[in-house]
Protein backbone atom coordinates (compact mmCIF):
# COMPACT_ATOMS: atom_id res chain seq x y z
CA MET A 1 -13.90 8.57 -8.43
CA ILE A 2 -14.18 5.90 -5.77
CA HIS A 3 -11.45 3.86 -7.46
CA GLY A 4 -9.26 6.95 -7.45
CA ALA A 5 -9.78 7.31 -3.71
CA TRP A 6 -8.75 3.71 -3.14
CA LEU A 7 -5.74 3.88 -5.43
CA PRO A 8 -4.47 7.45 -5.44
CA ARG A 9 -1.26 6.39 -7.22
CA ALA A 10 -1.40 4.63 -10.58
CA VAL A 11 1.22 1.93 -11.07
CA PRO A 12 1.72 0.60 -14.60
CA ALA A 13 1.48 -3.13 -15.18
CA PRO A 14 4.69 -4.98 -16.05
CA ARG A 15 5.47 -4.73 -19.76
CA ASP A 16 5.82 -8.51 -20.11
CA LEU A 17 2.32 -9.13 -18.77
CA GLU A 18 0.24 -11.01 -21.34
CA ARG A 19 -2.81 -9.01 -22.37
CA LEU A 20 -5.87 -9.96 -24.37
CA SER A 21 -6.98 -7.72 -27.18
CA PHE A 22 -10.50 -6.64 -28.04
CA ALA A 23 -10.35 -9.05 -30.99
CA ASP A 24 -9.58 -11.92 -28.61
CA ASP A 25 -12.98 -11.38 -26.98
CA LEU A 26 -14.91 -11.69 -30.24
CA ASP A 27 -16.26 -15.22 -30.13
CA ASP A 28 -19.36 -17.18 -31.14
CA ARG A 29 -21.59 -14.80 -29.17
CA LEU A 30 -20.89 -12.17 -31.80
CA SER A 31 -23.13 -14.12 -34.18
CA SER A 32 -26.11 -13.32 -31.94
CA LEU A 33 -25.87 -9.66 -32.97
CA ASP A 34 -27.41 -8.27 -36.11
CA PRO A 35 -25.04 -8.22 -39.10
CA GLY A 36 -24.43 -4.46 -38.89
CA LEU A 37 -23.29 -4.69 -35.28
CA GLN A 38 -21.13 -7.72 -36.06
CA ALA A 39 -19.42 -5.74 -38.81
CA ALA A 40 -18.94 -2.74 -36.52
CA ALA A 41 -17.34 -4.90 -33.80
CA ARG A 42 -15.00 -6.51 -36.32
CA ALA A 43 -14.08 -3.09 -37.76
CA VAL A 44 -13.23 -1.78 -34.27
CA ALA A 45 -11.08 -4.85 -33.62
CA ALA A 46 -9.24 -4.34 -36.92
CA ASP A 47 -8.69 -0.64 -36.18
CA LEU A 48 -7.30 -1.44 -32.74
CA ILE A 49 -4.91 -4.02 -34.21
CA GLN A 50 -3.69 -1.53 -36.83
CA GLU A 51 -3.29 1.17 -34.18
CA GLY A 52 -1.21 -1.22 -32.07
CA GLU A 53 1.01 -1.94 -35.06
CA ARG A 54 1.59 1.78 -35.59
CA HIS A 55 2.24 2.49 -31.90
CA PRO A 56 3.77 -0.58 -30.22
CA GLU A 57 4.41 -0.17 -26.51
């Protein structure tokens, strides 16, 4: 709510702005999680990639 008060008008970012994906943030620290959580994080990353392929901006 505070952010909304500071920025009452949302302005989209430029379309050519390079963005990182969730998968880009999965690094060596992922190995510190238990195997089930590692698998869940990788599955979410894969789902997000597939969703992006179905609905490109």
